[in-house]
């Protein structure tokens, strides 16, 4: 399973730490910062996509990463992702 974690701050770092327990998962990380909290703490070595989340960049990230699951690390990201998903489904 391919999982895209959007944001590697404090919450994202906790999510990443838990996901690393399952070696069958392919985990990709998107964050606008060069060294987000998860990198500073050594939870991950680097981020995969250095992008701020907007409707345009989210579409790009989804096309590029082809995730089975998207885990936003903040309510703001969750709301944006839900809005874009609803638009793409014609809701």
C-alpha atoms as a PDB file:
ATOM      1  CA  UNK A   1       0.000   0.000   0.000  1.00  0.00           C
ATOM      2  CA  UNK A   2       1.251   3.468  -0.927  1.00  0.00           C
ATOM      3  CA  UNK A   3       0.587   6.184   1.667  1.00  0.00           C
ATOM      4  CA  UNK A   4       1.167   9.898   1.176  1.00  0.00           C
ATOM      5  CA  UNK A   5       1.619  11.810   4.438  1.00  0.00           C
ATOM      6  CA  UNK A   6       1.055  15.521   3.893  1.00  0.00           C
ATOM      7  CA  UNK A   7       3.017  17.444   6.487  1.00  0.00           C
ATOM      8  CA  UNK A   8       5.907  16.261   8.618  1.00  0.00           C
ATOM      9  CA  UNK A   9       5.386  18.490  11.632  1.00  0.00           C
ATOM     10  CA  UNK A  10       4.669  17.192  15.126  1.00  0.00           C
ATOM     11  CA  UNK A  11       1.512  15.297  14.171  1.00  0.00           C
ATOM     12  CA  UNK A  12       2.955  14.045  10.894  1.00  0.00           C
ATOM     13  CA  UNK A  13       6.061  12.835  12.735  1.00  0.00           C
ATOM     14  CA  UNK A  14       3.902  10.738  15.071  1.00  0.00           C
ATOM     15  CA  UNK A  15       2.027   9.276  12.099  1.00  0.00           C
ATOM     16  CA  UNK A  16       5.298   8.508  10.304  1.00  0.00           C
ATOM     17  CA  UNK A  17       6.725   6.831  13.391  1.00  0.00           C
ATOM     18  CA  UNK A  18       3.726   4.489  13.535  1.00  0.00           C
ATOM     19  CA  UNK A  19       3.713   3.769   9.790  1.00  0.00           C
ATOM     20  CA  UNK A  20       7.382   2.772   9.893  1.00  0.00           C
ATOM     21  CA  UNK A  21       6.403  -0.232  12.000  1.00  0.00           C
ATOM     22  CA  UNK A  22       4.916  -1.888   8.916  1.00  0.00           C
ATOM     23  CA  UNK A  23       7.614  -2.603   6.304  1.00  0.00           C
ATOM     24  CA  UNK A  24       4.963  -3.573   3.747  1.00  0.00           C
ATOM     25  CA  UNK A  25       3.924   0.077   3.416  1.00  0.00           C
ATOM     26  CA  UNK A  26       5.462   2.535   0.985  1.00  0.00           C
ATOM     27  CA  UNK A  27       5.349   5.895   2.749  1.00  0.00           C
ATOM     28  CA  UNK A  28       5.892   9.168   0.898  1.00  0.00           C
ATOM     29  CA  UNK A  29       6.064  12.561   2.587  1.00  0.00           C
ATOM     30  CA  UNK A  30       5.138  16.017   1.288  1.00  0.00           C
ATOM     31  CA  UNK A  31       6.028  19.149   3.255  1.00  0.00           C
ATOM     32  CA  UNK A  32       6.899  22.728   2.250  1.00  0.00           C
ATOM     33  CA  UNK A  33       9.923  22.887   4.585  1.00  0.00           C
ATOM     34  CA  UNK A  34      13.448  21.617   3.889  1.00  0.00           C
ATOM     35  CA  UNK A  35      13.857  20.215   7.395  1.00  0.00           C
ATOM     36  CA  UNK A  36      10.458  19.654   8.987  1.00  0.00           C
ATOM     37  CA  UNK A  37      10.152  18.313  12.512  1.00  0.00           C
ATOM     38  CA  UNK A  38      10.179  14.649  11.423  1.00  0.00           C
ATOM     39  CA  UNK A  39      13.534  15.178   9.675  1.00  0.00           C
ATOM     40  CA  UNK A  40      14.993  17.176  12.575  1.00  0.00           C
ATOM     41  CA  UNK A  41      14.031  14.376  14.977  1.00  0.00           C
ATOM     42  CA  UNK A  42      15.514  11.668  12.736  1.00  0.00           C
ATOM     43  CA  UNK A  43      12.192   9.929  12.146  1.00  0.00           C
ATOM     44  CA  UNK A  44      12.722  10.253   8.393  1.00  0.00           C
ATOM     45  CA  UNK A  45      15.884  11.137   6.477  1.00  0.00           C
ATOM     46  CA  UNK A  46      14.216  13.527   4.035  1.00  0.00           C
ATOM     47  CA  UNK A  47      10.925  14.488   2.455  1.00  0.00           C
ATOM     48  CA  UNK A  48       9.864  13.174  -0.936  1.00  0.00           C
ATOM     49  CA  UNK A  49       7.971  16.230  -2.182  1.00  0.00           C
ATOM     50  CA  UNK A  50       8.742  19.777  -1.072  1.00  0.00           C
ATOM     51  CA  UNK A  51       5.410  21.433  -1.805  1.00  0.00           C
ATOM     52  CA  UNK A  52       2.991  23.766  -0.073  1.00  0.00           C
ATOM     53  CA  UNK A  53      -0.503  22.357  -0.236  1.00  0.00           C
ATOM     54  CA  UNK A  54      -2.836  24.155  -2.617  1.00  0.00           C
ATOM     55  CA  UNK A  55      -5.506  22.738  -4.938  1.00  0.00           C
ATOM     56  CA  UNK A  56      -3.010  22.819  -7.810  1.00  0.00           C
ATOM     57  CA  UNK A  57      -0.110  21.239  -5.917  1.00  0.00           C
ATOM     58  CA  UNK A  58      -2.365  18.613  -4.331  1.00  0.00           C
ATOM     59  CA  UNK A  59      -3.470  17.466  -7.770  1.00  0.00           C
ATOM     60  CA  UNK A  60       0.193  17.340  -8.855  1.00  0.00           C
ATOM     61  CA  UNK A  61       1.178  15.367  -5.740  1.00  0.00           C
ATOM     62  CA  UNK A  62      -1.604  12.854  -6.234  1.00  0.00           C
ATOM     63  CA  UNK A  63      -0.726  12.339  -9.896  1.00  0.00           C
ATOM     64  CA  UNK A  64       2.987  12.009  -9.151  1.00  0.00           C
ATOM     65  CA  UNK A  65       2.806   9.808  -6.045  1.00  0.00           C
ATOM     66  CA  UNK A  66      -0.266   7.697  -6.923  1.00  0.00           C
ATOM     67  CA  UNK A  67      -1.128   6.961  -3.268  1.00  0.00           C
ATOM     68  CA  UNK A  68      -3.711   4.479  -2.076  1.00  0.00           C
ATOM     69  CA  UNK A  69      -4.236   6.595   1.036  1.00  0.00           C
ATOM     70  CA  UNK A  70      -3.583  10.261   1.893  1.00  0.00           C
ATOM     71  CA  UNK A  71      -2.989  11.279   5.508  1.00  0.00           C
ATOM     72  CA  UNK A  72      -2.976  15.058   6.063  1.00  0.00           C
ATOM     73  CA  UNK A  73      -1.294  16.051   9.331  1.00  0.00           C
ATOM     74  CA  UNK A  74      -3.485  19.040  10.164  1.00  0.00           C
ATOM     75  CA  UNK A  75      -7.173  20.009  10.050  1.00  0.00           C
ATOM     76  CA  UNK A  76      -6.414  22.660   7.415  1.00  0.00           C
ATOM     77  CA  UNK A  77      -4.849  20.097   5.102  1.00  0.00           C
ATOM     78  CA  UNK A  78      -7.727  17.695   5.789  1.00  0.00           C
ATOM     79  CA  UNK A  79     -10.332  20.312   4.862  1.00  0.00           C
ATOM     80  CA  UNK A  80      -8.504  21.240   1.655  1.00  0.00           C
ATOM     81  CA  UNK A  81      -8.037  17.599   0.669  1.00  0.00           C
ATOM     82  CA  UNK A  82     -11.718  16.823   1.326  1.00  0.00           C
ATOM     83  CA  UNK A  83     -12.859  19.833  -0.702  1.00  0.00           C
ATOM     84  CA  UNK A  84     -10.680  18.908  -3.677  1.00  0.00           C
ATOM     85  CA  UNK A  85     -11.694  15.245  -3.495  1.00  0.00           C
ATOM     86  CA  UNK A  86     -15.368  16.242  -3.524  1.00  0.00           C
ATOM     87  CA  UNK A  87     -14.825  18.514  -6.524  1.00  0.00           C
ATOM     88  CA  UNK A  88     -13.023  15.781  -8.442  1.00  0.00           C
ATOM     89  CA  UNK A  89     -15.906  13.383  -7.769  1.00  0.00           C
ATOM     90  CA  UNK A  90     -18.467  15.901  -8.993  1.00  0.00           C
ATOM     91  CA  UNK A  91     -20.066  16.343  -5.590  1.00  0.00           C
END
